[in-house]
C-alpha atoms as a PDB file:
ATOM      1  CA  UNK A   1      76.411  96.604 150.069  1.00  0.00           C
ATOM      2  CA  UNK A   2      79.014  94.184 147.736  1.00  0.00           C
ATOM      3  CA  UNK A   3      81.562  96.308 146.032  1.00  0.00           C
ATOM      4  CA  UNK A   4      83.181  94.178 143.019  1.00  0.00           C
ATOM      5  CA  UNK A   5      86.420  95.913 141.319  1.00  0.00           C
ATOM      6  CA  UNK A   6      88.378  94.609 138.495  1.00  0.00           C
ATOM      7  CA  UNK A   7      91.000  96.167 136.221  1.00  0.00           C
ATOM      8  CA  UNK A   8      89.485  95.085 132.811  1.00  0.00           C
ATOM      9  CA  UNK A   9      92.971  95.504 130.854  1.00  0.00           C
ATOM     10  CA  UNK A  10      91.333  97.644 128.082  1.00  0.00           C
ATOM     11  CA  UNK A  11      89.772  94.533 126.874  1.00  0.00           C
ATOM     12  CA  UNK A  12      86.467  95.885 124.561  1.00  0.00           C
ATOM     13  CA  UNK A  13      84.674  92.583 124.828  1.00  0.00           C
ATOM     14  CA  UNK A  14      84.484  91.910 128.472  1.00  0.00           C
ATOM     15  CA  UNK A  15      81.180  93.188 129.028  1.00  0.00           C
ATOM     16  CA  UNK A  16      79.461  89.653 129.170  1.00  0.00           C
ATOM     17  CA  UNK A  17      82.000  88.843 132.259  1.00  0.00           C
ATOM     18  CA  UNK A  18      81.102  91.671 133.916  1.00  0.00           C
ATOM     19  CA  UNK A  19      77.509  90.651 133.924  1.00  0.00           C
ATOM     20  CA  UNK A  20      78.297  87.416 135.157  1.00  0.00           C
ATOM     21  CA  UNK A  21      80.716  88.395 137.857  1.00  0.00           C
ATOM     22  CA  UNK A  22      78.100  91.254 139.079  1.00  0.00           C
ATOM     23  CA  UNK A  23      75.284  88.798 138.867  1.00  0.00           C
ATOM     24  CA  UNK A  24      76.722  85.702 140.252  1.00  0.00           C
ATOM     25  CA  UNK A  25      78.383  87.725 143.399  1.00  0.00           C
ATOM     26  CA  UNK A  26      75.351  89.898 143.836  1.00  0.00           C
ATOM     27  CA  UNK A  27      77.440  92.904 143.393  1.00  0.00           C
ATOM     28  CA  UNK A  28      75.818  96.551 144.593  1.00  0.00           C
ATOM     29  CA  UNK A  29      78.548  98.681 142.973  1.00  0.00           C
ATOM     30  CA  UNK A  30      80.949  97.741 140.337  1.00  0.00           C
ATOM     31  CA  UNK A  31      84.278  99.522 140.063  1.00  0.00           C
ATOM     32  CA  UNK A  32      86.083  99.237 136.922  1.00  0.00           C
ATOM     33  CA  UNK A  33      89.626 100.487 136.148  1.00  0.00           C
ATOM     34  CA  UNK A  34      90.862 100.388 132.228  1.00  0.00           C
ATOM     35  CA  UNK A  35      87.187  99.981 131.006  1.00  0.00           C
ATOM     36  CA  UNK A  36      86.956 100.799 127.465  1.00  0.00           C
ATOM     37  CA  UNK A  37      83.799  98.790 126.483  1.00  0.00           C
ATOM     38  CA  UNK A  38      80.604 100.369 126.158  1.00  0.00           C
ATOM     39  CA  UNK A  39      78.916 100.936 129.436  1.00  0.00           C
ATOM     40  CA  UNK A  40      75.533 101.544 128.200  1.00  0.00           C
ATOM     41  CA  UNK A  41      75.498  98.431 126.376  1.00  0.00           C
ATOM     42  CA  UNK A  42      76.833  96.818 129.918  1.00  0.00           C
ATOM     43  CA  UNK A  43      73.956  98.883 131.909  1.00  0.00           C
ATOM     44  CA  UNK A  44      71.438  97.268 129.402  1.00  0.00           C
ATOM     45  CA  UNK A  45      72.425  93.583 129.459  1.00  0.00           C
ATOM     46  CA  UNK A  46      72.622  93.818 133.293  1.00  0.00           C
ATOM     47  CA  UNK A  47      68.900  94.675 133.145  1.00  0.00           C
ATOM     48  CA  UNK A  48      67.839  92.482 130.499  1.00  0.00           C
ATOM     49  CA  UNK A  49      69.855  89.492 130.543  1.00  0.00           C
ATOM     50  CA  UNK A  50      70.263  89.410 134.470  1.00  0.00           C
ATOM     51  CA  UNK A  51      67.109  91.410 135.672  1.00  0.00           C
ATOM     52  CA  UNK A  52      69.755  94.029 137.202  1.00  0.00           C
ATOM     53  CA  UNK A  53      69.120  97.782 137.040  1.00  0.00           C
ATOM     54  CA  UNK A  54      72.235  99.900 137.722  1.00  0.00           C
ATOM     55  CA  UNK A  55      73.292 102.886 136.755  1.00  0.00           C
ATOM     56  CA  UNK A  56      76.391 104.879 136.122  1.00  0.00           C
ATOM     57  CA  UNK A  57      77.623 107.122 138.796  1.00  0.00           C
ATOM     58  CA  UNK A  58      78.903 110.547 137.937  1.00  0.00           C
ATOM     59  CA  UNK A  59      82.755 111.032 137.573  1.00  0.00           C
ATOM     60  CA  UNK A  60      85.130 112.613 135.449  1.00  0.00           C
ATOM     61  CA  UNK A  61      88.093 110.226 136.391  1.00  0.00           C
ATOM     62  CA  UNK A  62      89.884 108.989 133.382  1.00  0.00           C
ATOM     63  CA  UNK A  63      90.887 105.489 134.873  1.00  0.00           C
ATOM     64  CA  UNK A  64      87.657 104.568 136.849  1.00  0.00           C
ATOM     65  CA  UNK A  65      84.163 103.796 135.957  1.00  0.00           C
ATOM     66  CA  UNK A  66      81.707 103.205 138.457  1.00  0.00           C
ATOM     67  CA  UNK A  67      77.903 101.636 138.281  1.00  0.00           C
ATOM     68  CA  UNK A  68      75.688 100.341 140.751  1.00  0.00           C
ATOM     69  CA  UNK A  69      72.335  99.588 142.156  1.00  0.00           C
ATOM     70  CA  UNK A  70      72.417 102.046 145.195  1.00  0.00           C
ATOM     71  CA  UNK A  71      70.404 105.007 144.430  1.00  0.00           C
ATOM     72  CA  UNK A  72      71.857 107.462 146.755  1.00  0.00           C
ATOM     73  CA  UNK A  73      75.422 108.006 145.327  1.00  0.00           C
ATOM     74  CA  UNK A  74      77.110 111.775 145.229  1.00  0.00           C
ATOM     75  CA  UNK A  75      80.591 112.277 143.476  1.00  0.00           C
ATOM     76  CA  UNK A  76      82.908 114.477 145.670  1.00  0.00           C
ATOM     77  CA  UNK A  77      86.224 114.559 144.546  1.00  0.00           C
ATOM     78  CA  UNK A  78      87.910 113.454 140.917  1.00  0.00           C
ATOM     79  CA  UNK A  79      91.124 113.994 139.191  1.00  0.00           C
ATOM     80  CA  UNK A  80      92.943 111.273 136.300  1.00  0.00           C
ATOM     81  CA  UNK A  81      93.495 108.741 138.891  1.00  0.00           C
ATOM     82  CA  UNK A  82      90.784 109.137 141.632  1.00  0.00           C
ATOM     83  CA  UNK A  83      87.196 109.385 142.375  1.00  0.00           C
ATOM     84  CA  UNK A  84      85.742 109.663 145.854  1.00  0.00           C
ATOM     85  CA  UNK A  85      81.925 108.904 145.814  1.00  0.00           C
ATOM     86  CA  UNK A  86      79.700 109.593 149.058  1.00  0.00           C
ATOM     87  CA  UNK A  87      77.088 106.798 149.518  1.00  0.00           C
ATOM     88  CA  UNK A  88      73.812 107.392 151.729  1.00  0.00           C
ATOM     89  CA  UNK A  89      75.283 111.036 153.131  1.00  0.00           C
ATOM     90  CA  UNK A  90      77.733 108.924 155.225  1.00  0.00           C
ATOM     91  CA  UNK A  91      79.769 106.130 153.806  1.00  0.00           C
ATOM     92  CA  UNK A  92      82.875 107.340 151.356  1.00  0.00           C
ATOM     93  CA  UNK A  93      83.909 105.005 148.753  1.00  0.00           C
ATOM     94  CA  UNK A  94      87.208 106.066 147.217  1.00  0.00           C
ATOM     95  CA  UNK A  95      88.262 104.421 144.198  1.00  0.00           C
ATOM     96  CA  UNK A  96      91.919 104.628 142.521  1.00  0.00           C
ATOM     97  CA  UNK A  97      94.033 103.506 140.010  1.00  0.00           C
ATOM     98  CA  UNK A  98      97.432 104.348 140.452  1.00  0.00           C
ATOM     99  CA  UNK A  99     100.304 104.490 138.003  1.00  0.00           C
ATOM    100  CA  UNK A 100     102.025 101.145 137.285  1.00  0.00           C
ATOM    101  CA  UNK A 101     104.904 100.048 139.635  1.00  0.00           C
ATOM    102  CA  UNK A 102     106.015  97.492 136.778  1.00  0.00           C
ATOM    103  CA  UNK A 103     106.239  99.653 133.437  1.00  0.00           C
ATOM    104  CA  UNK A 104     107.100 102.778 135.281  1.00  0.00           C
ATOM    105  CA  UNK A 105     109.606 103.607 137.818  1.00  0.00           C
ATOM    106  CA  UNK A 106     108.024 106.938 138.832  1.00  0.00           C
ATOM    107  CA  UNK A 107     107.712 105.907 142.681  1.00  0.00           C
ATOM    108  CA  UNK A 108     107.828 109.665 143.805  1.00  0.00           C
ATOM    109  CA  UNK A 109     104.924 110.472 141.291  1.00  0.00           C
ATOM    110  CA  UNK A 110     102.918 107.860 142.682  1.00  0.00           C
ATOM    111  CA  UNK A 111     103.542 108.926 146.279  1.00  0.00           C
ATOM    112  CA  UNK A 112     102.679 112.533 145.352  1.00  0.00           C
ATOM    113  CA  UNK A 113      98.812 111.124 144.171  1.00  0.00           C
ATOM    114  CA  UNK A 114      98.531 108.894 146.963  1.00  0.00           C
ATOM    115  CA  UNK A 115      99.651 112.307 149.342  1.00  0.00           C
ATOM    116  CA  UNK A 116      96.678 114.167 147.109  1.00  0.00           C
ATOM    117  CA  UNK A 117      94.287 111.317 147.587  1.00  0.00           C
ATOM    118  CA  UNK A 118      94.635 111.374 151.573  1.00  0.00           C
ATOM    119  CA  UNK A 119      94.550 114.928 151.654  1.00  0.00           C
ATOM    120  CA  UNK A 120      91.434 115.324 150.067  1.00  0.00           C
ATOM    121  CA  UNK A 121      90.023 112.012 151.590  1.00  0.00           C
ATOM    122  CA  UNK A 122      91.042 113.606 155.417  1.00  0.00           C
ATOM    123  CA  UNK A 123      89.237 116.906 154.177  1.00  0.00           C
ATOM    124  CA  UNK A 124      85.799 115.141 153.329  1.00  0.00           C
ATOM    125  CA  UNK A 125      86.141 112.908 156.393  1.00  0.00           C
ATOM    126  CA  UNK A 126      86.244 116.118 158.605  1.00  0.00           C
ATOM    127  CA  UNK A 127      83.471 117.831 156.598  1.00  0.00           C
ATOM    128  CA  UNK A 128      81.184 114.857 156.734  1.00  0.00           C
ATOM    129  CA  UNK A 129      82.234 113.969 160.531  1.00  0.00           C
ATOM    130  CA  UNK A 130      82.473 110.055 159.136  1.00  0.00           C
ATOM    131  CA  UNK A 131      85.321 107.693 158.825  1.00  0.00           C
ATOM    132  CA  UNK A 132      83.044 105.033 157.120  1.00  0.00           C
ATOM    133  CA  UNK A 133      85.914 105.118 154.410  1.00  0.00           C
ATOM    134  CA  UNK A 134      87.099 102.400 152.244  1.00  0.00           C
ATOM    135  CA  UNK A 135      89.393 102.919 149.294  1.00  0.00           C
ATOM    136  CA  UNK A 136      89.639 100.195 146.612  1.00  0.00           C
ATOM    137  CA  UNK A 137      91.354 100.079 143.375  1.00  0.00           C
ATOM    138  CA  UNK A 138      94.627  99.037 141.608  1.00  0.00           C
ATOM    139  CA  UNK A 139      97.073 100.360 143.624  1.00  0.00           C
ATOM    140  CA  UNK A 140      99.977  99.165 141.833  1.00  0.00           C
ATOM    141  CA  UNK A 141     101.700  98.703 144.938  1.00  0.00           C
ATOM    142  CA  UNK A 142     101.549  95.634 147.183  1.00  0.00           C
ATOM    143  CA  UNK A 143     100.383  95.489 150.908  1.00  0.00           C
ATOM    144  CA  UNK A 144     103.879  95.558 152.499  1.00  0.00           C
ATOM    145  CA  UNK A 145     105.289  98.220 149.851  1.00  0.00           C
ATOM    146  CA  UNK A 146     106.454 101.044 152.008  1.00  0.00           C
ATOM    147  CA  UNK A 147     103.749 103.670 150.165  1.00  0.00           C
ATOM    148  CA  UNK A 148     100.992 101.314 151.421  1.00  0.00           C
ATOM    149  CA  UNK A 149     102.575 101.326 155.127  1.00  0.00           C
ATOM    150  CA  UNK A 150     103.959 104.621 155.458  1.00  0.00           C
ATOM    151  CA  UNK A 151     102.214 106.970 157.794  1.00  0.00           C
ATOM    152  CA  UNK A 152     102.633 109.829 155.010  1.00  0.00           C
ATOM    153  CA  UNK A 153     100.269 107.829 152.929  1.00  0.00           C
ATOM    154  CA  UNK A 154      97.974 105.107 153.080  1.00  0.00           C
ATOM    155  CA  UNK A 155      99.245 103.939 156.382  1.00  0.00           C
ATOM    156  CA  UNK A 156      97.513 100.911 156.124  1.00  0.00           C
ATOM    157  CA  UNK A 157      98.308  97.995 158.294  1.00  0.00           C
ATOM    158  CA  UNK A 158      97.190  94.172 158.541  1.00  0.00           C
ATOM    159  CA  UNK A 159      96.461  94.107 162.136  1.00  0.00           C
ATOM    160  CA  UNK A 160      93.134  95.469 163.010  1.00  0.00           C
ATOM    161  CA  UNK A 161      93.857  95.762 166.724  1.00  0.00           C
ATOM    162  CA  UNK A 162      96.609  98.142 166.116  1.00  0.00           C
ATOM    163  CA  UNK A 163      94.568 100.131 163.936  1.00  0.00           C
ATOM    164  CA  UNK A 164      91.861 100.512 166.748  1.00  0.00           C
ATOM    165  CA  UNK A 165      93.778 103.497 167.985  1.00  0.00           C
ATOM    166  CA  UNK A 166      92.595 105.214 164.891  1.00  0.00           C
ATOM    167  CA  UNK A 167      95.474 107.659 164.709  1.00  0.00           C
ATOM    168  CA  UNK A 168      99.723 107.379 165.367  1.00  0.00           C
ATOM    169  CA  UNK A 169     101.920 110.296 165.763  1.00  0.00           C
ATOM    170  CA  UNK A 170     105.052 110.702 163.845  1.00  0.00           C
ATOM    171  CA  UNK A 171     107.384 113.367 164.204  1.00  0.00           C
ATOM    172  CA  UNK A 172     104.804 115.481 165.920  1.00  0.00           C
ATOM    173  CA  UNK A 173     102.027 114.880 163.059  1.00  0.00           C
ATOM    174  CA  UNK A 174      99.159 112.913 163.659  1.00  0.00           C
ATOM    175  CA  UNK A 175      98.231 110.301 160.861  1.00  0.00           C
ATOM    176  CA  UNK A 176      94.893 108.277 160.999  1.00  0.00           C
ATOM    177  CA  UNK A 177      95.238 104.667 160.024  1.00  0.00           C
ATOM    178  CA  UNK A 178      93.713 102.208 157.654  1.00  0.00           C
ATOM    179  CA  UNK A 179      93.098  98.390 158.077  1.00  0.00           C
ATOM    180  CA  UNK A 180      94.464  96.238 155.435  1.00  0.00           C
ATOM    181  CA  UNK A 181      92.652  92.853 154.963  1.00  0.00           C
ATOM    182  CA  UNK A 182      94.789  91.973 151.926  1.00  0.00           C
ATOM    183  CA  UNK A 183      97.515  90.559 153.829  1.00  0.00           C
ATOM    184  CA  UNK A 184      95.584  87.440 154.431  1.00  0.00           C
ATOM    185  CA  UNK A 185      96.089  86.530 150.938  1.00  0.00           C
ATOM    186  CA  UNK A 186     100.087  86.813 150.799  1.00  0.00           C
ATOM    187  CA  UNK A 187     102.007  83.540 150.582  1.00  0.00           C
ATOM    188  CA  UNK A 188     101.003  80.196 149.011  1.00  0.00           C
ATOM    189  CA  UNK A 189      98.560  78.904 151.689  1.00  0.00           C
ATOM    190  CA  UNK A 190      95.843  78.925 149.038  1.00  0.00           C
ATOM    191  CA  UNK A 191      95.190  79.700 145.391  1.00  0.00           C
ATOM    192  CA  UNK A 192      95.109  82.039 143.832  1.00  0.00           C
ATOM    193  CA  UNK A 193      98.611  83.810 145.003  1.00  0.00           C
ATOM    194  CA  UNK A 194      97.197  87.256 144.375  1.00  0.00           C
ATOM    195  CA  UNK A 195      95.739  89.575 141.464  1.00  0.00           C
ATOM    196  CA  UNK A 196      98.368  89.876 139.189  1.00  0.00           C
ATOM    197  CA  UNK A 197     101.430  87.898 137.954  1.00  0.00           C
ATOM    198  CA  UNK A 198     104.636  89.211 136.715  1.00  0.00           C
ATOM    199  CA  UNK A 199     107.668  87.101 136.041  1.00  0.00           C
ATOM    200  CA  UNK A 200     110.767  89.553 135.631  1.00  0.00           C
ATOM    201  CA  UNK A 201     114.704  89.231 135.244  1.00  0.00           C
ATOM    202  CA  UNK A 202     115.338  91.781 138.211  1.00  0.00           C
ATOM    203  CA  UNK A 203     117.066  91.067 141.461  1.00  0.00           C
ATOM    204  CA  UNK A 204     113.476  91.293 143.254  1.00  0.00           C
ATOM    205  CA  UNK A 205     110.723  88.992 141.949  1.00  0.00           C
ATOM    206  CA  UNK A 206     107.998  88.058 144.025  1.00  0.00           C
ATOM    207  CA  UNK A 207     106.108  86.646 140.787  1.00  0.00           C
ATOM    208  CA  UNK A 208     102.378  87.210 142.520  1.00  0.00           C
ATOM    209  CA  UNK A 209     101.255  90.586 143.352  1.00  0.00           C
ATOM    210  CA  UNK A 210      98.381  92.177 145.558  1.00  0.00           C
ATOM    211  CA  UNK A 211      98.221  95.269 143.338  1.00  0.00           C
ATOM    212  CA  UNK A 212      94.196  95.199 143.624  1.00  0.00           C
ATOM    213  CA  UNK A 213      93.116  95.979 147.231  1.00  0.00           C
ATOM    214  CA  UNK A 214      90.631  97.387 149.380  1.00  0.00           C
ATOM    215  CA  UNK A 215      91.281  98.980 152.748  1.00  0.00           C
ATOM    216  CA  UNK A 216      89.150 100.342 155.338  1.00  0.00           C
ATOM    217  CA  UNK A 217      89.065 102.834 158.318  1.00  0.00           C
ATOM    218  CA  UNK A 218      88.908 100.804 161.527  1.00  0.00           C
ATOM    219  CA  UNK A 219      85.490 102.760 161.872  1.00  0.00           C
ATOM    220  CA  UNK A 220      84.157 100.188 159.305  1.00  0.00           C
ATOM    221  CA  UNK A 221      85.410  97.222 160.654  1.00  0.00           C
ATOM    222  CA  UNK A 222      82.365  95.707 162.480  1.00  0.00           C
ATOM    223  CA  UNK A 223      80.517  96.058 159.178  1.00  0.00           C
ATOM    224  CA  UNK A 224      82.973  94.174 157.188  1.00  0.00           C
ATOM    225  CA  UNK A 225      82.308  90.919 156.400  1.00  0.00           C
ATOM    226  CA  UNK A 226      85.346  88.871 156.828  1.00  0.00           C
ATOM    227  CA  UNK A 227      84.328  85.897 154.259  1.00  0.00           C
ATOM    228  CA  UNK A 228      83.211  88.245 151.922  1.00  0.00           C
ATOM    229  CA  UNK A 229      86.486  89.372 150.981  1.00  0.00           C
ATOM    230  CA  UNK A 230      87.495  87.227 147.630  1.00  0.00           C
ATOM    231  CA  UNK A 231      89.832  87.075 144.655  1.00  0.00           C
ATOM    232  CA  UNK A 232      87.601  85.866 142.240  1.00  0.00           C
ATOM    233  CA  UNK A 233      88.647  83.396 139.556  1.00  0.00           C
ATOM    234  CA  UNK A 234      85.902  82.202 137.593  1.00  0.00           C
ATOM    235  CA  UNK A 235      82.435  82.519 136.611  1.00  0.00           C
ATOM    236  CA  UNK A 236      80.012  79.648 135.760  1.00  0.00           C
ATOM    237  CA  UNK A 237      80.747  80.162 131.961  1.00  0.00           C
ATOM    238  CA  UNK A 238      85.006  80.750 132.021  1.00  0.00           C
ATOM    239  CA  UNK A 239      87.934  80.484 133.941  1.00  0.00           C
ATOM    240  CA  UNK A 240      89.573  83.645 134.498  1.00  0.00           C
ATOM    241  CA  UNK A 241      93.154  81.973 134.879  1.00  0.00           C
ATOM    242  CA  UNK A 242      95.108  80.401 131.821  1.00  0.00           C
ATOM    243  CA  UNK A 243      96.595  76.919 131.502  1.00  0.00           C
ATOM    244  CA  UNK A 244      99.408  77.874 133.772  1.00  0.00           C
ATOM    245  CA  UNK A 245      97.205  79.204 136.633  1.00  0.00           C
ATOM    246  CA  UNK A 246      97.813  82.873 135.957  1.00  0.00           C
ATOM    247  CA  UNK A 247      95.472  85.742 134.988  1.00  0.00           C
ATOM    248  CA  UNK A 248      94.389  84.999 131.460  1.00  0.00           C
ATOM    249  CA  UNK A 249      95.557  87.979 129.479  1.00  0.00           C
ATOM    250  CA  UNK A 250      93.022  87.584 126.788  1.00  0.00           C
ATOM    251  CA  UNK A 251      90.155  88.321 129.465  1.00  0.00           C
ATOM    252  CA  UNK A 252      92.303  90.608 131.618  1.00  0.00           C
ATOM    253  CA  UNK A 253      95.836  90.448 133.328  1.00  0.00           C
ATOM    254  CA  UNK A 254      94.064  91.272 136.830  1.00  0.00           C
ATOM    255  CA  UNK A 255      91.815  89.300 138.682  1.00  0.00           C
ATOM    256  CA  UNK A 256      88.771  90.764 140.495  1.00  0.00           C
ATOM    257  CA  UNK A 257      88.213  91.251 144.214  1.00  0.00           C
ATOM    258  CA  UNK A 258      84.984  91.647 145.892  1.00  0.00           C
ATOM    259  CA  UNK A 259      83.853  92.196 149.250  1.00  0.00           C
ATOM    260  CA  UNK A 260      80.778  93.554 151.430  1.00  0.00           C
ATOM    261  CA  UNK A 261      79.938  96.201 153.995  1.00  0.00           C
ATOM    262  CA  UNK A 262      77.139  95.623 155.869  1.00  0.00           C
ATOM    263  CA  UNK A 263      74.263  98.155 156.406  1.00  0.00           C
ATOM    264  CA  UNK A 264      74.635 100.085 159.310  1.00  0.00           C
ATOM    265  CA  UNK A 265      71.923  98.683 161.789  1.00  0.00           C
ATOM    266  CA  UNK A 266      72.546  95.279 160.281  1.00  0.00           C
ATOM    267  CA  UNK A 267      75.447  93.846 162.325  1.00  0.00           C
ATOM    268  CA  UNK A 268      75.795  92.843 165.765  1.00  0.00           C
ATOM    269  CA  UNK A 269      77.594  94.667 168.800  1.00  0.00           C
END
């Protein structure tokens, strides 16, 4: 199962690019934030131009649209920022688009949303008896920001060996952990240097940000295909970067990401 995520920046003329991305990367599920184009036209184009049959998955979430070719998908939770879908009765796909860090100083509000998300997610995990959980979306925070690391919120760490313990106790409370593979993209080892570029005059400015992320429970680590995780910068017909090497805002101010979760019986022990 390959999952493609992209914040489409309210571009009403973006369906052709989404089709190319889905087809060229063999995506099974496409998760879109800030999608305002016609989803019926998108599904039709996928089918008749690329031979890919997808459906829209049920959700009332205002910020997220999900389509895919996986047949057994059931919505379990919705609010304005997040939707949680159950795949094949056992895999938990949580898709979120949190409020902007750049254009809003409502950090406390974002933490309240993450706290609500995590409470719902933990309740669903307990109900299903499954920790096959992934969270994907535009977090609007970087992997190193406190809300990403804090045990009270995403509690996502870059070292899988540490997350194998599954939980950590803080002040007498036990918190489940996530593994965050997005840390590998930090720094200038290879381009692109993130998924979102923003230059500001503040005292803290990293220029490049990794707002678009996927984090997984340790239970999914063996099924996570390491080299499948990519930040996509082009399709066969167009570059998603401008002449400065930044996301082309005429298409979207974010770059898409893709990753693969293998079927439960298809990975080695």
